[in-house]
Protein backbone atom coordinates (compact mmCIF):
# COMPACT_ATOMS: atom_id res chain seq x y z
CA MET A 1 0.09 -0.19 0.08
CA ASN A 2 1.52 3.49 -0.73
CA SER A 3 1.77 5.44 2.35
CA MET A 4 2.49 9.09 0.46
CA PRO A 5 -0.02 11.50 1.62
CA VAL A 6 -2.46 12.33 -0.83
CA SER A 7 -1.03 16.36 -0.57
CA SER A 8 2.20 14.89 -1.24
CA ARG A 9 1.06 13.06 -4.51
CA ASN A 10 -0.28 16.04 -5.66
CA VAL A 11 2.90 18.01 -5.28
CA VAL A 12 5.06 15.35 -7.11
CA ALA A 13 2.49 15.13 -9.83
CA LEU A 14 2.51 18.67 -10.29
CA PHE A 15 6.05 18.96 -10.45
CA ALA A 16 6.77 15.90 -12.98
CA ALA A 17 3.99 17.93 -15.15
CA VAL A 18 6.08 20.97 -15.20
CA LEU A 19 9.05 19.08 -15.31
CA PHE A 20 8.21 16.90 -18.41
CA GLY A 21 5.90 19.78 -20.19
CA TRP A 22 2.43 18.56 -19.26
CA LEU A 23 1.84 21.94 -17.99
CA PRO A 24 2.93 25.46 -18.57
CA ALA A 25 5.95 26.71 -16.19
CA ALA A 26 4.63 29.63 -14.15
CA ARG A 27 5.16 33.16 -14.73
CA ALA A 28 6.40 36.01 -12.79
CA GLU A 29 3.28 38.01 -11.40
CA LEU A 30 3.01 40.76 -13.37
CA LYS A 31 3.98 44.24 -11.42
CA ILE A 32 2.77 47.41 -12.80
CA MET A 33 3.07 50.92 -11.92
CA PRO A 34 0.41 53.01 -11.55
CA LEU A 35 -0.20 56.11 -13.73
CA ARG A 36 -0.65 58.00 -10.77
CA ASP A 37 2.85 57.27 -9.35
CA LEU A 38 4.91 58.73 -12.26
CA ARG A 39 6.70 61.83 -12.44
CA ALA A 40 8.34 63.92 -14.96
CA GLY A 41 12.39 62.94 -15.00
CA MET A 42 11.77 59.20 -13.83
CA HIS A 43 14.05 56.91 -15.73
CA GLY A 44 13.23 53.50 -16.83
CA VAL A 45 13.99 51.00 -19.48
CA GLY A 46 12.41 49.50 -22.38
CA ARG A 47 12.56 46.23 -24.10
CA THR A 48 12.48 45.38 -27.75
CA VAL A 49 13.91 43.45 -30.70
CA PHE A 50 16.39 44.87 -32.93
CA GLU A 51 17.95 41.76 -34.35
CA GLY A 52 16.75 38.40 -34.61
CA ALA A 53 14.81 37.22 -31.53
CA LYS A 54 17.08 38.62 -28.99
CA ILE A 55 15.35 41.44 -26.70
CA ALA A 56 17.31 44.44 -26.05
CA GLU A 57 17.15 47.26 -23.88
CA PHE A 58 16.87 50.93 -24.46
CA GLN A 59 16.59 53.93 -21.93
CA VAL A 60 13.53 55.89 -21.22
CA GLU A 61 13.12 59.34 -19.62
CA ILE A 62 9.94 60.35 -18.69
CA LEU A 63 9.17 64.03 -20.04
CA GLY A 64 5.57 64.29 -18.53
CA ILE A 65 1.68 63.08 -18.77
CA LEU A 66 -0.73 64.55 -21.84
CA GLU A 67 -4.15 63.84 -19.97
CA ASN A 68 -7.30 63.28 -21.28
CA THR A 69 -5.67 62.61 -25.10
CA ALA A 70 -9.18 60.57 -25.65
CA PRO A 71 -11.99 59.88 -23.49
CA ARG A 72 -10.60 58.73 -20.13
CA GLN A 73 -7.25 58.22 -21.67
CA SER A 74 -3.93 59.08 -21.11
CA ILE A 75 -0.52 59.36 -22.48
CA ILE A 76 2.80 59.32 -21.23
CA LEU A 77 5.54 61.01 -22.72
CA GLY A 78 8.98 59.69 -22.99
CA LYS A 79 12.38 60.23 -24.37
CA LEU A 80 14.19 57.00 -25.78
CA SER A 81 17.73 56.38 -26.43
CA GLY A 82 19.99 53.60 -26.41
CA GLY A 83 20.83 51.23 -29.58
CA PRO A 84 19.92 52.49 -33.00
CA LEU A 85 17.45 54.58 -31.83
CA GLU A 86 19.01 57.67 -32.09
CA HIS A 87 19.47 56.66 -35.85
CA THR A 88 16.23 55.36 -36.33
CA GLY A 89 13.68 57.24 -33.92
CA VAL A 90 10.64 55.27 -33.00
CA MET A 91 10.32 52.27 -35.76
CA GLN A 92 7.33 50.72 -36.99
CA GLY A 93 7.09 47.16 -34.95
CA MET A 94 8.22 48.87 -32.01
CA SER A 95 4.06 49.12 -31.14
CA GLY A 96 3.90 47.39 -27.73
CA SER A 97 7.55 47.53 -26.46
CA PRO A 98 7.19 47.47 -22.69
CA VAL A 99 8.85 50.46 -20.69
CA TYR A 100 9.51 49.51 -16.85
CA ILE A 101 10.66 51.64 -14.00
CA ASP A 102 12.32 49.99 -10.93
CA GLY A 103 10.77 46.88 -12.36
CA LYS A 104 7.37 47.55 -12.51
CA LEU A 105 5.76 47.93 -15.78
CA ILE A 106 4.37 51.47 -16.61
CA GLY A 107 3.14 50.59 -20.23
CA ALA A 108 3.76 50.41 -23.94
CA VAL A 109 5.27 52.53 -26.45
CA ALA A 110 2.23 53.10 -28.92
CA LEU A 111 2.72 56.63 -30.60
CA ALA A 112 4.93 58.98 -31.97
CA PHE A 113 5.77 62.37 -33.79
CA PRO A 114 6.19 61.97 -37.70
CA PHE A 115 9.39 63.21 -39.05
CA ALA A 116 10.45 63.81 -35.50
CA LYS A 117 14.77 64.39 -35.11
CA ASP A 118 14.43 62.85 -31.58
CA PRO A 119 12.98 59.56 -30.63
CA ILE A 120 9.95 60.86 -28.66
CA ALA A 121 7.64 58.52 -27.84
CA GLY A 122 3.85 58.30 -26.63
CA ILE A 123 3.57 55.34 -23.91
CA ARG A 124 0.14 53.89 -23.24
CA PRO A 125 -0.32 53.13 -19.73
CA ILE A 126 -0.55 49.67 -18.70
CA GLU A 127 -3.94 49.89 -16.57
CA GLU A 128 -5.47 50.89 -20.25
CA MET A 129 -4.15 48.06 -21.81
CA ILE A 130 -5.55 45.62 -19.02
CA ALA A 131 -8.72 47.19 -19.45
CA ALA A 132 -9.02 46.41 -23.04
CA GLY A 133 -8.93 42.56 -22.12
CA THR A 134 -11.67 42.68 -19.73
CA ALA A 135 -13.93 44.37 -22.49
CA GLY A 136 -17.27 42.35 -23.16
CA ALA A 137 -18.42 41.46 -26.56
CA VAL A 138 -20.07 43.60 -29.14
CA PRO A 139 -22.61 42.08 -31.32
CA PRO A 140 -21.76 42.64 -35.02
CA LYS A 141 -23.45 45.36 -36.87
CA PRO A 142 -25.94 43.77 -39.37
CA ALA A 143 -25.36 44.19 -43.06
CA LYS A 144 -27.30 46.68 -44.94
CA THR A 145 -25.84 46.85 -48.58
CA MET A 146 -24.62 44.67 -51.01
CA ALA A 147 -22.27 47.58 -52.41
CA GLY A 148 -19.49 49.52 -51.41
CA ASP A 149 -15.97 49.88 -50.63
CA LEU A 150 -15.26 47.06 -48.35
CA ALA A 151 -12.11 49.27 -46.78
CA GLN A 152 -14.70 51.60 -45.57
CA LEU A 153 -16.02 48.85 -43.39
CA PHE A 154 -13.00 49.65 -40.99
CA PRO A 155 -12.54 52.73 -38.82
CA ALA A 156 -10.03 54.84 -40.40
CA ARG A 157 -7.59 56.53 -38.53
CA GLN A 158 -8.05 60.31 -37.98
CA ALA A 159 -5.50 62.60 -40.19
CA LYS A 160 -3.22 64.40 -37.74
CA THR A 161 -0.54 66.96 -38.45
CA ASP A 162 3.15 66.13 -38.31
CA GLY A 163 3.13 68.33 -34.77
CA GLN A 164 0.46 65.72 -33.40
CA LEU A 165 1.20 62.51 -31.67
CA LYS A 166 -0.02 59.45 -33.63
CA GLU A 167 -0.50 55.91 -33.44
CA VAL A 168 2.66 54.24 -34.38
CA SER A 169 1.69 52.54 -38.05
CA THR A 170 1.78 48.92 -38.27
CA PRO A 171 3.90 47.23 -40.71
CA LEU A 172 1.95 44.98 -42.80
CA ALA A 173 3.71 42.41 -44.88
CA LEU A 174 2.25 41.02 -47.61
CA SER A 175 3.75 37.78 -49.23
CA GLY A 176 2.97 36.30 -52.52
CA PHE A 177 0.85 39.11 -53.92
CA THR A 178 1.54 41.10 -57.20
CA SER A 179 3.18 44.46 -57.13
CA ARG A 180 0.01 45.79 -58.84
CA ALA A 181 -2.06 44.07 -55.80
CA LEU A 182 -0.05 46.22 -53.27
CA ASP A 183 -0.51 49.44 -55.38
CA GLN A 184 -4.16 48.85 -55.73
CA PHE A 185 -4.80 48.45 -52.02
CA SER A 186 -2.11 50.17 -50.43
CA ALA A 187 -3.92 53.52 -49.98
CA GLY A 188 -6.91 51.99 -48.28
CA MET A 189 -4.33 50.39 -45.98
CA LYS A 190 -2.55 53.26 -44.99
CA ASP A 191 -5.79 55.17 -44.16
CA LEU A 192 -6.31 52.06 -41.61
CA GLY A 193 -2.93 52.60 -40.07
CA PHE A 194 -0.70 50.12 -41.96
CA GLU A 195 2.31 50.54 -43.87
CA PRO A 196 1.90 47.71 -46.30
CA ARG A 197 5.54 46.21 -47.64
CA GLN A 198 6.49 43.18 -49.61
CA GLY A 199 6.82 40.37 -46.87
CA ILE A 200 8.90 37.14 -46.46
CA SER A 201 7.27 34.04 -46.57
CA SER A 202 8.29 30.39 -47.29
CA GLY A 203 5.08 29.84 -49.25
CA GLY A 204 2.31 27.29 -48.38
CA GLU A 205 0.61 26.91 -45.32
CA ARG A 206 2.16 27.21 -41.86
CA SER A 207 2.50 24.01 -39.85
CA ASP A 208 -0.36 23.48 -37.40
CA LYS A 209 2.19 22.68 -34.47
CA MET A 210 1.98 25.32 -31.58
CA GLY A 211 5.15 26.92 -30.57
CA ASP A 212 6.80 26.89 -26.96
CA PRO A 213 5.03 29.68 -25.01
CA ALA A 214 8.33 30.03 -23.05
CA ARG A 215 10.10 31.51 -26.08
CA LEU A 216 7.96 34.47 -25.78
CA GLU A 217 8.90 37.19 -23.50
CA PRO A 218 7.64 41.09 -22.73
CA GLY A 219 9.51 42.78 -25.51
CA SER A 220 8.94 40.01 -28.03
CA MET A 221 8.00 40.30 -31.77
CA ILE A 222 4.79 38.99 -32.74
CA SER A 223 3.04 38.83 -36.15
CA VAL A 224 -0.91 38.86 -36.46
CA GLU A 225 -1.35 36.47 -39.05
CA LEU A 226 -4.61 37.61 -41.34
CA MET A 227 -3.73 35.06 -44.42
CA THR A 228 -1.00 32.20 -44.58
CA GLY A 229 -0.77 29.82 -47.53
CA ASP A 230 0.10 30.94 -51.45
CA MET A 231 -0.56 34.43 -50.31
CA ALA A 232 0.13 36.04 -46.94
CA VAL A 233 -0.55 38.88 -44.45
CA GLY A 234 1.00 39.49 -41.09
CA ALA A 235 0.85 43.00 -38.98
CA ASP A 236 4.06 43.22 -36.82
CA GLY A 237 4.07 44.36 -33.31
CA THR A 238 5.49 43.69 -30.08
CA LEU A 239 4.61 41.81 -27.09
CA THR A 240 3.87 43.96 -23.79
CA ALA A 241 2.97 41.83 -21.54
CA ILE A 242 2.09 37.92 -20.53
CA ASP A 243 0.20 37.38 -17.30
CA GLY A 244 -0.58 33.33 -16.92
CA ASP A 245 -2.05 32.41 -20.36
CA LYS A 246 -3.08 36.14 -21.30
CA VAL A 247 -1.07 38.40 -23.43
CA TYR A 248 -1.17 41.93 -24.24
CA ALA A 249 0.29 43.82 -27.34
CA PHE A 250 1.01 46.98 -29.63
CA GLY A 251 -0.91 49.29 -26.98
CA HIS A 252 -2.94 50.65 -29.45
CA ARG A 253 -5.86 49.15 -31.64
CA PHE A 254 -4.86 46.90 -34.82
CA LEU A 255 -8.16 47.50 -36.45
CA ALA A 256 -10.67 48.37 -33.82
CA LEU A 257 -12.39 45.19 -34.75
CA GLY A 258 -13.76 44.52 -30.87
CA PRO A 259 -13.99 40.73 -30.15
CA THR A 260 -12.46 38.53 -32.84
CA GLU A 261 -10.04 35.52 -33.58
CA ILE A 262 -6.94 36.19 -35.07
CA PRO A 263 -4.00 33.87 -34.77
CA PHE A 264 -0.25 35.40 -34.11
CA THR A 265 3.42 34.06 -34.55
CA ARG A 266 6.63 34.52 -32.83
CA SER A 267 8.52 36.46 -35.51
CA GLU A 268 12.30 37.58 -35.44
CA VAL A 269 13.70 40.61 -36.74
CA ILE A 270 15.85 40.32 -39.97
CA THR A 271 17.08 44.19 -40.37
CA LEU A 272 16.17 47.56 -39.29
CA LEU A 273 15.32 50.25 -42.14
CA ALA A 274 15.95 53.87 -41.16
CA ASN A 275 13.38 56.30 -43.00
CA THR A 276 12.87 59.89 -42.73
CA ASN A 277 9.51 59.93 -41.55
CA THR A 278 9.13 56.62 -39.71
CA SER A 279 11.72 53.53 -39.50
CA PHE A 280 10.53 50.35 -39.62
CA LYS A 281 11.61 46.53 -38.71
CA ILE A 282 11.71 43.91 -41.38
CA SER A 283 10.86 40.64 -39.84
CA ALA A 284 9.95 37.18 -40.54
CA ALA A 285 6.89 35.00 -38.83
CA LYS A 286 7.76 31.91 -37.26
CA GLU A 287 5.68 29.14 -35.50
CA TRP A 288 1.90 29.79 -34.22
CA MET A 289 1.78 31.11 -30.35
CA GLY A 290 -1.92 31.79 -29.94
CA VAL A 291 -4.94 34.21 -30.68
CA ILE A 292 -5.60 37.88 -30.65
CA SER A 293 -9.40 37.81 -29.16
CA GLN A 294 -9.98 41.60 -28.64
CA ASP A 295 -8.88 44.40 -30.73
CA ARG A 296 -9.37 47.75 -28.83
CA SER A 297 -8.40 51.40 -29.13
CA THR A 298 -5.86 50.76 -26.27
CA ALA A 299 -4.49 47.33 -27.07
CA VAL A 300 -4.62 43.84 -28.66
CA THR A 301 -5.12 40.89 -26.18
CA GLY A 302 -5.02 37.60 -26.74
CA MET A 303 -4.41 33.80 -25.02
CA LEU A 304 -1.54 31.64 -25.69
CA GLY A 305 -1.85 28.32 -26.71
CA LYS A 306 -5.14 28.74 -28.31
CA ARG A 307 -6.00 27.89 -32.03
CA ALA A 308 -7.66 30.16 -34.25
CA ALA A 309 -10.59 28.87 -36.67
CA LEU A 310 -9.28 29.68 -40.40
CA VAL A 311 -11.34 30.04 -43.55
CA PRO A 312 -9.46 27.86 -46.33
CA ILE A 313 -9.77 29.89 -49.66
CA ASP A 314 -9.23 27.98 -52.88
CA ILE A 315 -8.45 30.34 -56.17
CA SER A 316 -7.95 28.92 -59.48
CA VAL A 317 -7.24 30.64 -62.84
CA ARG A 318 -8.28 29.48 -66.26
CA LYS A 319 -7.99 30.75 -69.75
CA ASP A 320 -9.44 28.88 -72.82
CA ASN A 321 -10.79 26.27 -70.69
CA GLN A 322 -6.82 25.32 -69.84
CA ALA A 323 -5.58 25.68 -65.94
CA LEU A 324 -2.96 28.47 -65.94
CA GLU A 325 -2.71 28.76 -61.87
CA SER A 326 -4.00 27.53 -58.49
CA TYR A 327 -3.84 29.13 -55.16
CA HIS A 328 -4.54 27.83 -51.66
CA MET A 329 -4.69 30.13 -48.02
CA LYS A 330 -6.34 29.92 -45.09
CA ALA A 331 -7.72 33.29 -44.05
CA VAL A 332 -9.07 34.66 -40.51
CA ASN A 333 -12.51 33.98 -40.13
CA ASP A 334 -13.80 37.62 -39.09
CA ARG A 335 -16.74 39.29 -40.38
CA PHE A 336 -14.75 42.58 -41.83
CA LEU A 337 -11.40 40.98 -42.66
CA SER A 338 -12.24 37.80 -44.53
CA PRO A 339 -14.07 39.53 -47.25
CA PHE A 340 -11.18 42.10 -47.86
CA LEU A 341 -8.54 39.53 -47.80
CA LEU A 342 -10.72 37.63 -50.40
CA GLN A 343 -10.87 40.82 -52.67
CA MET A 344 -7.02 41.40 -52.48
CA ALA A 345 -6.59 37.68 -53.21
CA VAL A 346 -8.63 37.33 -56.27
CA PHE A 347 -7.36 40.46 -57.53
CA SER A 348 -3.91 39.53 -57.15
CA ALA A 349 -4.68 35.79 -58.78
CA ILE A 350 -6.16 37.67 -61.78
CA ASP A 351 -3.04 40.19 -61.75
CA ALA A 352 -0.43 37.17 -61.33
CA THR A 353 -1.61 35.10 -64.41
CA GLU A 354 -3.58 37.55 -66.53
CA ARG A 355 -3.42 41.40 -67.84
CA THR A 356 -5.30 43.87 -65.42
CA LEU A 357 -5.13 46.58 -68.22
CA GLY A 358 -6.87 46.52 -71.24
CA VAL A 359 -9.79 44.63 -72.90
CA ALA A 360 -10.61 41.49 -71.00
CA THR A 361 -13.49 39.33 -70.11
CA ILE A 362 -13.47 37.30 -66.71
CA ALA A 363 -16.09 34.77 -65.93
CA VAL A 364 -16.31 34.00 -62.04
CA LYS A 365 -17.73 30.72 -60.39
CA GLY A 366 -17.56 30.59 -56.85
CA LEU A 367 -18.96 28.61 -53.73
CA ILE A 368 -19.48 29.71 -50.17
CA GLU A 369 -19.73 26.74 -48.12
CA PHE A 370 -20.89 26.96 -44.26
CA GLU A 371 -20.69 24.64 -41.18
CA SER A 372 -23.81 22.91 -39.78
CA GLY A 373 -24.67 21.39 -43.01
CA ARG A 374 -26.55 24.70 -44.44
CA ASP A 375 -26.88 25.34 -48.60
CA PRO A 376 -24.01 26.88 -49.82
CA VAL A 377 -24.12 30.02 -51.77
CA ARG A 378 -23.06 30.04 -55.47
CA ILE A 379 -21.59 32.77 -56.83
CA SER A 380 -21.73 33.42 -60.60
CA ASN A 381 -21.10 36.61 -62.61
CA VAL A 382 -19.16 38.11 -65.68
CA PHE A 383 -17.44 41.45 -66.58
CA ALA A 384 -16.33 42.65 -69.69
CA ALA A 385 -14.69 45.96 -70.13
CA ASP A 386 -11.83 47.64 -71.77
CA GLY A 387 -10.08 47.81 -68.20
CA GLY A 388 -10.54 47.36 -64.55
CA THR A 389 -12.17 43.81 -65.02
CA ALA A 390 -9.88 42.32 -62.54
CA LEU A 391 -11.14 44.85 -59.62
CA GLN A 392 -14.87 44.18 -60.40
CA ALA A 393 -14.47 40.53 -60.19
CA ALA A 394 -12.71 40.71 -56.91
CA VAL A 395 -15.43 43.38 -55.68
CA SER A 396 -18.09 41.06 -57.00
CA THR A 397 -16.59 37.83 -55.05
CA ALA A 398 -15.96 39.71 -51.65
CA VAL A 399 -19.23 41.77 -51.44
CA PRO A 400 -21.53 38.55 -51.14
CA LEU A 401 -19.21 37.13 -48.31
CA SER A 402 -19.06 40.56 -46.52
CA TYR A 403 -23.37 40.70 -46.64
CA LEU A 404 -23.29 37.34 -45.19
CA MET A 405 -20.72 37.59 -42.52
CA GLN A 406 -21.95 40.49 -41.40
CA GLY A 407 -25.53 39.58 -41.42
CA GLY A 408 -25.23 39.56 -37.38
CA PHE A 409 -26.04 35.56 -37.06
CA ASP A 410 -22.94 34.08 -35.06
CA THR A 411 -24.10 30.28 -36.13
CA LEU A 412 -23.66 31.37 -39.56
CA LYS A 413 -20.04 30.17 -39.87
CA VAL A 414 -18.10 29.84 -43.31
CA LYS A 415 -16.38 26.46 -43.70
CA ARG A 416 -14.71 27.22 -47.24
CA VAL A 417 -14.47 29.47 -50.07
CA SER A 418 -13.66 28.57 -53.66
CA VAL A 419 -13.43 30.50 -56.65
CA GLU A 420 -12.98 29.48 -60.50
CA LEU A 421 -12.05 32.45 -62.98
CA GLU A 422 -11.70 32.22 -66.63
CA SER A 423 -10.60 34.94 -68.71
CA VAL A 424 -10.40 36.20 -72.42
CA ASP A 425 -8.42 38.71 -74.02
CA GLU A 426 -11.47 40.23 -75.39
CA LYS A 427 -14.57 42.02 -74.85
CA ARG A 428 -17.35 39.72 -74.77
CA ALA A 429 -20.29 42.30 -74.06
CA MET A 430 -23.89 42.96 -75.22
CA ASN A 431 -26.48 45.54 -74.54
CA ILE A 432 -29.93 45.38 -74.57
CA GLY A 433 -31.31 47.08 -77.76
CA GLN A 434 -35.11 46.97 -78.45
CA VAL A 435 -37.95 45.08 -76.73
CA TYR A 436 -40.87 44.20 -78.73
CA LEU A 437 -44.20 42.57 -78.24
CA SER A 438 -46.21 40.59 -80.72
CA ARG A 439 -49.57 42.16 -79.66
CA LYS A 440 -50.55 45.02 -77.59
CA GLU A 441 -53.65 43.27 -76.06
CA ALA A 442 -54.24 39.76 -74.83
CA LYS A 443 -56.78 37.89 -72.46
CA PRO A 444 -55.92 35.29 -69.86
CA GLY A 445 -54.63 32.15 -71.39
CA ASP A 446 -53.33 33.92 -74.55
CA THR A 447 -49.95 33.47 -75.22
CA VAL A 448 -47.40 36.75 -76.34
CA GLU A 449 -44.12 36.46 -77.79
CA VAL A 450 -41.13 39.09 -76.41
CA LEU A 451 -38.55 39.84 -78.84
CA THR A 452 -35.54 41.29 -77.64
CA THR A 453 -32.41 42.74 -79.98
CA LEU A 454 -29.05 42.57 -78.44
CA ASP A 455 -26.34 44.64 -79.77
CA GLY A 456 -22.98 43.38 -79.56
CA PRO A 457 -19.31 44.10 -80.68
CA ASN A 458 -18.40 45.02 -84.53
CA GLY A 459 -21.98 45.57 -85.25
CA MET A 460 -23.22 42.17 -84.25
CA GLU A 461 -27.00 42.00 -83.47
CA ILE A 462 -28.95 39.30 -82.09
CA THR A 463 -32.90 38.94 -81.66
CA LYS A 464 -33.85 36.38 -78.96
CA THR A 465 -37.82 35.17 -78.60
CA GLN A 466 -39.48 34.21 -75.42
CA LYS A 467 -43.14 33.03 -75.26
CA PHE A 468 -45.21 34.08 -71.98
CA MET A 469 -48.56 32.70 -71.36
CA ILE A 470 -50.88 35.32 -69.57
CA PRO A 471 -51.88 33.68 -66.32
CA PHE A 472 -55.65 32.37 -66.15
CA GLY A 473 -57.15 34.85 -63.34
CA THR A 474 -54.92 37.59 -64.35
CA ALA A 475 -57.14 40.69 -63.51
CA PRO A 476 -57.69 43.44 -66.45
CA GLY A 477 -54.99 46.19 -66.59
CA THR A 478 -51.41 46.84 -67.61
CA LEU A 479 -48.76 44.10 -67.60
CA PHE A 480 -45.14 45.16 -67.78
CA PHE A 481 -42.59 43.40 -69.52
CA THR A 482 -39.08 44.40 -68.29
CA VAL A 483 -35.86 43.14 -70.12
CA ALA A 484 -32.70 43.98 -67.99
CA ASP A 485 -29.33 42.46 -67.10
CA GLY A 486 -28.66 40.68 -64.22
CA THR A 487 -27.91 43.67 -61.72
CA GLN A 488 -30.63 45.88 -62.78
CA THR A 489 -33.04 42.70 -62.10
CA SER A 490 -31.27 41.93 -58.77
CA LEU A 491 -32.04 45.58 -57.71
CA ALA A 492 -35.64 45.53 -58.73
CA GLU A 493 -36.11 42.45 -56.89
CA LEU A 494 -34.30 42.68 -54.07
CA ARG A 495 -33.82 46.51 -53.00
CA GLN A 496 -36.28 46.35 -50.12
CA VAL A 497 -34.61 42.97 -48.97
CA LEU A 498 -31.06 44.32 -48.97
CA ALA A 499 -31.87 47.21 -47.30
CA ALA A 500 -33.86 45.67 -44.42
CA THR A 501 -32.54 43.47 -41.26
CA PRO A 502 -32.26 40.09 -41.98
CA HIS A 503 -34.22 37.91 -39.65
CA SER A 504 -32.53 34.56 -40.04
CA ALA A 505 -29.30 33.27 -41.45
CA GLU A 506 -31.28 31.13 -44.07
CA GLN A 507 -32.81 34.42 -45.29
CA LEU A 508 -29.40 35.61 -45.64
CA ILE A 509 -28.37 32.68 -47.91
CA SER A 510 -31.67 32.64 -49.65
CA THR A 511 -30.94 36.44 -50.83
CA VAL A 512 -27.40 35.94 -51.96
CA ASN A 513 -28.50 32.83 -53.90
CA ARG A 514 -31.16 34.90 -55.72
CA LEU A 515 -28.83 37.32 -57.22
CA LYS A 516 -28.93 37.23 -61.10
CA SER A 517 -25.76 36.41 -63.25
CA GLY A 518 -24.43 38.73 -65.26
CA ASP A 519 -24.32 36.55 -68.52
CA GLN A 520 -27.81 36.55 -69.08
CA ALA A 521 -31.03 38.79 -69.81
CA TYR A 522 -33.79 38.68 -67.52
CA VAL A 523 -37.48 39.03 -68.81
CA ARG A 524 -39.30 40.02 -65.40
CA VAL A 525 -43.33 40.32 -65.81
CA TRP A 526 -44.72 42.73 -63.35
CA ARG A 527 -47.91 44.89 -62.67
CA ALA A 528 -47.95 47.87 -60.33
CA GLU A 529 -49.64 45.92 -57.27
CA PRO A 530 -47.80 45.51 -53.76
CA ALA A 531 -45.95 42.37 -53.19
CA PHE A 532 -44.35 41.36 -49.93
CA GLU A 533 -41.26 39.37 -48.77
CA VAL A 534 -41.84 36.37 -46.36
CA GLN A 535 -39.03 34.47 -45.29
CA GLY A 536 -36.92 35.89 -47.80
CA GLU A 537 -39.36 34.89 -50.66
CA GLU A 538 -41.67 37.30 -52.72
CA LEU A 539 -45.33 36.74 -51.91
CA SER A 540 -46.89 38.25 -55.08
CA ASP A 541 -50.20 40.12 -55.30
CA PRO A 542 -51.54 38.57 -51.86
CA PRO A 543 -55.28 39.03 -51.46
CA PRO A 544 -56.68 42.39 -49.81
CA SER A 545 -57.56 40.71 -46.53
CA LEU A 546 -53.85 39.29 -46.38
CA ALA A 547 -52.06 42.14 -47.99
CA LEU A 548 -53.90 44.28 -45.03
CA VAL A 549 -52.64 42.12 -42.44
CA LEU A 550 -49.18 42.15 -43.68
CA GLY A 551 -48.67 45.29 -44.43
CA ASN A 552 -49.41 46.61 -40.64
CA MET A 553 -46.69 44.12 -39.51
CA GLN A 554 -43.12 45.51 -39.40
CA SER A 555 -41.73 41.89 -40.10
CA PHE A 556 -43.11 41.68 -43.48
CA GLN A 557 -41.12 43.85 -46.18
CA GLN A 558 -43.61 45.28 -48.83
CA ASN A 559 -42.11 45.80 -52.20
CA ARG A 560 -43.78 48.45 -54.95
CA ASN A 561 -44.60 45.84 -57.50
CA SER A 562 -45.62 42.05 -57.79
CA LYS A 563 -43.70 39.93 -59.97
CA ILE A 564 -46.25 37.35 -62.35
CA GLY A 565 -43.33 35.47 -64.07
CA GLU A 566 -39.83 35.51 -65.31
CA MET A 567 -37.96 34.24 -68.36
CA THR A 568 -34.05 34.15 -69.30
CA ILE A 569 -32.48 34.92 -72.27
CA PRO A 570 -28.96 33.13 -72.72
CA THR A 571 -25.87 34.69 -74.32
CA GLY A 572 -23.39 32.30 -74.38
CA GLY A 573 -21.18 33.64 -71.65
CA MET A 574 -21.20 37.26 -72.77
CA MET A 575 -21.69 40.21 -70.34
CA VAL A 576 -25.28 41.95 -70.73
CA THR A 577 -25.97 45.46 -69.86
CA GLY A 578 -28.84 47.65 -70.45
CA THR A 579 -32.84 47.76 -69.50
CA LYS A 580 -35.76 48.38 -71.61
CA THR A 581 -39.39 48.05 -70.68
CA VAL A 582 -42.82 47.67 -72.56
CA GLN A 583 -46.13 47.12 -71.68
CA LEU A 584 -49.46 44.95 -72.33
CA GLU A 585 -53.21 45.49 -71.65
CA VAL A 586 -54.83 42.63 -70.10
CA LYS A 587 -58.78 42.49 -71.18
CA GLU A 588 -61.32 40.34 -69.75
């Protein structure tokens, strides 16, 4: 019989767990110096990485405290010295570098003066950073539109003059993207507080193996990884503090996403580049370390050892039915970031294999899959123009994903996004010319022919004919026949739906799947009578008693017209533009 007391066995088991790596070794208690105890003239030390993974110290002199720089926020003003700082000044990538006085943490380097000759920094008080880690979750804002610049979804930094403190820009490394893609999106990234640059990546997917948390210390470089694989995006910063398995970094917002789930890695500095405006570190991401779970105005906070759920993105490019290139990535599963990253990846994939300037036609086929066995969303469109088709194709792919992810339903989780692009070096486009009806009047049960002329390149003209039977029971009055492209038809049918707050994830999916493709024309037969959206589907021309009930209920969206029928006009993969409407009188 084992005579060892229970308490002794527990001590031995705990020791063995630490010794053999079963549990993480305990870290020193986080000691802080409150803002109220700071005085001008105090001296301290900061910690950051200037080379490789080696943490170096620099000197800090407290110049004073700027109070109320933002609601309930203050900034410690400090002069930095030591190491390369006399030459480089405050560098991008130093955001989050911890500063200590008498061994107690006072905060993190977070702000600087552009074009400053002296390395004077704004230091974020550690109390404000800790408070960011205890902030509650904020529900996502429901999607309201399927159009617009995706970069505008993020809160941009306020413009400041050279004489004002501003958040140290976050160096954003983009690997595997074309130079034209960087040029296309760099202006928007700079508005968000990033400094985009060509990054360093080994290519392919990063190993799923988690790194040893013991390799991270306050002052270590980290990279917040937004996308990995054949195209990669990572934002560099410095780790401020580790409290148990919780980490604090940056000392300012990343994108002000609030609650999020973004993986971060350990990072190593390759070299420093001095710059007249703001110098920066050039670094390379290493192994996974954990997840950033809060992105607030004063800090980003996260957890060591936790894995982030990433969304696989597969993009293939074809030309004349021949495969050219395929790309495989994993992106963060975030309602704002995922669509923006998808837009960049699609644009770069086109630019890498096809010309983005000049005449071109690009067909887009996509599939957005969800967890929990939900029906997928299918994307189908075509773009033909004298220029700019790559950006149009990229936006058309990303906007539906944005609408779905920002709908406000946490249960709607994206499982995978697949995109197939096919291009030709010619403008395959047709415009809706004239529309004619075979008769001006008809009775219920009669058949009417709709003749549509489509004008193509080099004087091409094609006439398409569709037959429509007037439904039995149709009341006397005017029927309208509108022949329009996919965009115009989608707007006519879904304008009210897209502007309203969705009531379920299924309604979101149904709405996107009802979007019309651009490679067909659509004949919409309708009359000027009310219709209602019920569970995302149109209820046309309801009985007067039901219309009265639905009209008084806010949960049902009323449309301005009622669709009687719809037909499609195939064009063989050519883009269709334009709209024409004619009318028919229904007699008794």
